[in-house]
Amino acid sequence: DQSSGKSSVLEALSGVALPRGSGIVTRCPLELKMKRKREGEEWHGKISYQDHEEEIEDPSDVEKKIREAQDEMAGVGVGISDDLISLEIGSPDIPDLTLIDLPGIARVAVKGQPENIGEQIKRLIRKFITKQETINLVVVPCNVDIATTEALQMAQEVDPEGERTLGILTKPDLVDKGTEETVVDIVHNEVIHL
């Protein structure tokens, strides 16, 4: 879902800032290829999309380069694209891991968005999560009712046993007073299997 903390999770894993904000921030699938380098080796980055490929010298430039790629592929503003942006990062401080960040689910179209933006995003998400080799990371903030989270419902449609789904709870500081125990029950898989 939008504003669930996906970017914060990816930033913690990759060590680079990704576009963030309110509304639809991830507007194209972003393949994040992280490659662990030996201690002492320098950080390296490369972004590629369509016919464009560019080395990134400084990790602080990553967010800007992703925004530029999204604007070129999805148009400036609020549209989305199915086209993949690939970001390769090499650093001694990251794991060997490849992730794909997808747009959060929009409930209502805002000014400038197509009326069916929610369906467009769900179609894009389904394209990736139905693949049997995919592990679905469902990012959910602690201050919402996890059982009604649309992202989790979509994951359960394609993975009813939860064998390829991993829940990540974010924003624990926003838990409503008195509901802390419910969050603990969720973490222990007593509410819903994650």
Protein backbone atom coordinates (compact mmCIF):
# COMPACT_ATOMS: atom_id res chain seq x y z
CA ASP A 1 0.00 0.00 0.00
CA GLN A 2 1.07 3.62 -0.43
CA SER A 3 3.02 5.24 2.42
CA SER A 4 3.58 1.90 4.14
CA GLY A 5 7.32 2.37 4.59
CA LYS A 6 8.56 0.40 1.54
CA SER A 7 11.19 3.00 0.67
CA SER A 8 12.53 3.03 4.23
CA VAL A 9 12.93 -0.77 4.16
CA LEU A 10 14.75 -0.64 0.82
CA GLU A 11 16.94 2.24 1.99
CA ALA A 12 17.93 0.28 5.10
CA LEU A 13 18.98 -2.66 2.92
CA SER A 14 20.70 -0.70 0.14
CA GLY A 15 22.19 2.25 2.00
CA VAL A 16 20.95 4.76 -0.60
CA ALA A 17 18.07 7.23 -0.56
CA LEU A 18 15.16 6.35 -2.83
CA PRO A 19 12.32 8.63 -3.91
CA ARG A 20 9.80 9.09 -1.12
CA GLY A 21 6.85 11.28 -0.32
CA SER A 22 3.08 11.06 -0.34
CA GLY A 23 0.97 9.63 -3.13
CA ILE A 24 2.47 7.45 -5.84
CA VAL A 25 6.23 7.82 -5.52
CA THR A 26 7.37 4.53 -7.10
CA ARG A 27 5.91 4.93 -10.59
CA CYS A 28 7.83 2.20 -12.42
CA PRO A 29 9.05 -1.20 -11.27
CA LEU A 30 12.51 -0.63 -9.78
CA GLU A 31 14.85 -3.61 -9.87
CA LEU A 32 17.41 -3.06 -7.14
CA LYS A 33 20.44 -5.33 -7.67
CA MET A 34 22.73 -5.19 -4.66
CA LYS A 35 26.17 -6.76 -4.87
CA ARG A 36 28.41 -7.00 -1.82
CA LYS A 37 31.97 -5.82 -2.50
CA ARG A 38 35.11 -6.61 -0.55
CA GLU A 39 36.00 -4.39 2.38
CA GLY A 40 37.85 -1.32 1.12
CA GLU A 41 36.33 -1.40 -2.38
CA GLU A 42 34.52 1.74 -3.44
CA TRP A 43 30.77 2.19 -3.81
CA HIS A 44 29.55 1.76 -7.37
CA GLY A 45 26.19 2.44 -8.97
CA LYS A 46 24.61 2.12 -12.40
CA ILE A 47 21.07 2.89 -13.57
CA SER A 48 19.60 1.55 -16.79
CA TYR A 49 16.21 1.75 -18.45
CA GLN A 50 15.00 1.51 -22.03
CA ASP A 51 18.11 2.40 -24.12
CA HIS A 52 19.68 4.50 -21.37
CA GLU A 53 22.56 3.36 -19.15
CA GLU A 54 24.47 5.62 -16.79
CA GLU A 55 27.13 5.17 -14.13
CA ILE A 56 26.39 6.83 -10.80
CA GLU A 57 29.48 8.13 -9.03
CA ASP A 58 27.91 9.27 -5.77
CA PRO A 59 25.27 7.41 -3.71
CA SER A 60 23.59 10.74 -2.96
CA ASP A 61 22.68 11.03 -6.68
CA VAL A 62 20.61 7.81 -6.75
CA GLU A 63 17.27 9.37 -5.76
CA LYS A 64 17.57 12.10 -8.40
CA LYS A 65 18.52 9.59 -11.12
CA ILE A 66 15.52 7.37 -10.28
CA ARG A 67 13.15 10.36 -10.39
CA GLU A 68 14.58 11.38 -13.79
CA ALA A 69 14.12 7.83 -15.11
CA GLN A 70 10.52 7.68 -13.85
CA ASP A 71 9.72 11.06 -15.41
CA GLU A 72 11.15 9.93 -18.73
CA MET A 73 9.28 6.60 -18.72
CA ALA A 74 5.99 7.46 -17.00
CA GLY A 75 5.81 11.17 -17.80
CA VAL A 76 6.33 14.04 -15.40
CA GLY A 77 3.74 13.89 -12.66
CA VAL A 78 1.55 11.06 -11.52
CA GLY A 79 1.42 8.38 -14.23
CA ILE A 80 2.89 4.88 -13.96
CA SER A 81 4.76 2.64 -16.40
CA ASP A 82 5.27 -1.13 -16.66
CA ASP A 83 8.82 -0.53 -17.93
CA LEU A 84 11.57 -1.62 -15.57
CA ILE A 85 14.28 0.62 -14.15
CA SER A 86 17.36 -1.35 -13.12
CA LEU A 87 19.60 0.04 -10.39
CA GLU A 88 22.82 -1.82 -9.66
CA ILE A 89 24.70 -1.00 -6.48
CA GLY A 90 28.00 -2.38 -5.27
CA SER A 91 29.26 -1.74 -1.74
CA PRO A 92 30.94 -3.57 1.16
CA ASP A 93 27.97 -2.56 3.34
CA ILE A 94 25.13 -4.33 1.52
CA PRO A 95 23.98 -7.94 1.03
CA ASP A 96 23.96 -9.84 -2.27
CA LEU A 97 20.27 -9.45 -3.03
CA THR A 98 17.93 -8.45 -5.85
CA LEU A 99 14.58 -6.83 -5.05
CA ILE A 100 11.87 -5.25 -7.18
CA ASP A 101 10.07 -2.24 -5.72
CA LEU A 102 6.56 -1.77 -7.08
CA PRO A 103 4.12 1.14 -6.77
CA GLY A 104 1.93 1.19 -3.68
CA ILE A 105 -1.76 0.51 -4.24
CA ALA A 106 -3.74 3.67 -4.89
CA ARG A 107 -7.32 3.71 -3.63
CA VAL A 108 -8.56 6.85 -5.39
CA ALA A 109 -7.29 8.71 -8.45
CA VAL A 110 -6.04 12.20 -7.67
CA LYS A 111 -5.78 15.16 -10.03
CA GLY A 112 -3.92 14.24 -13.19
CA GLN A 113 -4.15 10.47 -12.66
CA PRO A 114 -6.23 8.19 -14.84
CA GLU A 115 -9.48 7.10 -13.16
CA ASN A 116 -8.33 3.48 -13.26
CA ILE A 117 -4.91 4.12 -11.65
CA GLY A 118 -5.69 1.63 -8.87
CA GLU A 119 -6.42 -1.13 -11.39
CA GLN A 120 -3.31 -0.25 -13.41
CA ILE A 121 -1.14 -0.61 -10.30
CA LYS A 122 -2.78 -3.88 -9.23
CA ARG A 123 -2.26 -5.33 -12.73
CA LEU A 124 1.42 -4.34 -12.58
CA ILE A 125 1.82 -5.87 -9.10
CA ARG A 126 0.11 -9.13 -10.14
CA LYS A 127 2.50 -9.42 -13.09
CA PHE A 128 5.37 -9.80 -10.62
CA ILE A 129 3.86 -11.55 -7.58
CA THR A 130 2.34 -14.47 -9.49
CA LYS A 131 5.78 -15.79 -10.50
CA GLN A 132 6.53 -18.89 -8.42
CA GLU A 133 10.19 -17.91 -7.99
CA THR A 134 9.21 -14.60 -6.39
CA ILE A 135 9.25 -14.04 -2.64
CA ASN A 136 6.67 -11.37 -1.88
CA LEU A 137 7.68 -8.84 0.77
CA VAL A 138 4.48 -7.24 2.02
CA VAL A 139 5.27 -4.02 3.86
CA VAL A 140 2.56 -2.98 6.32
CA PRO A 141 2.64 -0.15 8.87
CA CYS A 142 1.87 -1.24 12.44
CA ASN A 143 -0.87 1.36 12.81
CA VAL A 144 -3.31 -0.23 10.31
CA ASP A 145 -5.48 -3.32 10.53
CA ILE A 146 -3.24 -5.87 8.83
CA ALA A 147 -6.17 -8.15 7.98
CA THR A 148 -7.66 -5.48 5.70
CA THR A 149 -4.42 -4.54 3.95
CA GLU A 150 -4.91 -4.83 0.21
CA ALA A 151 -1.26 -5.72 -0.43
CA LEU A 152 -1.53 -8.71 1.90
CA GLN A 153 -4.83 -9.75 0.31
CA MET A 154 -3.17 -9.72 -3.12
CA ALA A 155 -0.26 -11.81 -1.82
CA GLN A 156 -2.69 -14.34 -0.32
CA GLU A 157 -4.50 -14.65 -3.67
CA VAL A 158 -1.31 -15.88 -5.37
CA ASP A 159 0.23 -17.59 -2.31
CA PRO A 160 -2.60 -18.90 -0.10
CA GLU A 161 -0.26 -20.96 2.12
CA GLY A 162 2.08 -18.01 2.69
CA GLU A 163 5.11 -20.00 1.55
CA ARG A 164 6.42 -17.16 -0.64
CA THR A 165 5.19 -14.23 1.44
CA LEU A 166 7.12 -12.38 4.11
CA GLY A 167 5.43 -9.63 6.08
CA ILE A 168 7.45 -6.61 7.15
CA LEU A 169 5.90 -4.41 9.83
CA THR A 170 6.98 -0.77 9.75
CA LYS A 171 6.32 2.38 11.76
CA PRO A 172 6.11 0.70 15.20
CA ASP A 173 6.26 4.16 16.78
CA LEU A 174 2.78 4.88 15.37
CA VAL A 175 1.02 1.98 17.11
CA ASP A 176 -2.14 3.22 18.81
CA LYS A 177 -2.02 3.05 22.58
CA GLY A 178 -3.65 -0.16 23.73
CA THR A 179 -3.02 -2.08 20.50
CA GLU A 180 0.60 -3.03 21.20
CA GLU A 181 -0.41 -6.57 22.14
CA THR A 182 -2.15 -7.05 18.79
CA VAL A 183 1.08 -6.13 17.00
CA VAL A 184 2.99 -8.66 19.13
CA ASP A 185 0.38 -11.31 18.22
CA ILE A 186 0.88 -10.48 14.53
CA VAL A 187 4.66 -10.85 14.89
CA HIS A 188 4.10 -14.27 16.48
CA ASN A 189 1.87 -15.31 13.51
CA GLU A 190 -1.14 -15.65 15.80
CA VAL A 191 -3.39 -13.27 13.84
CA ILE A 192 -2.41 -14.01 10.26
CA HIS A 193 0.34 -16.24 8.88
CA LEU A 194 3.17 -14.13 7.48
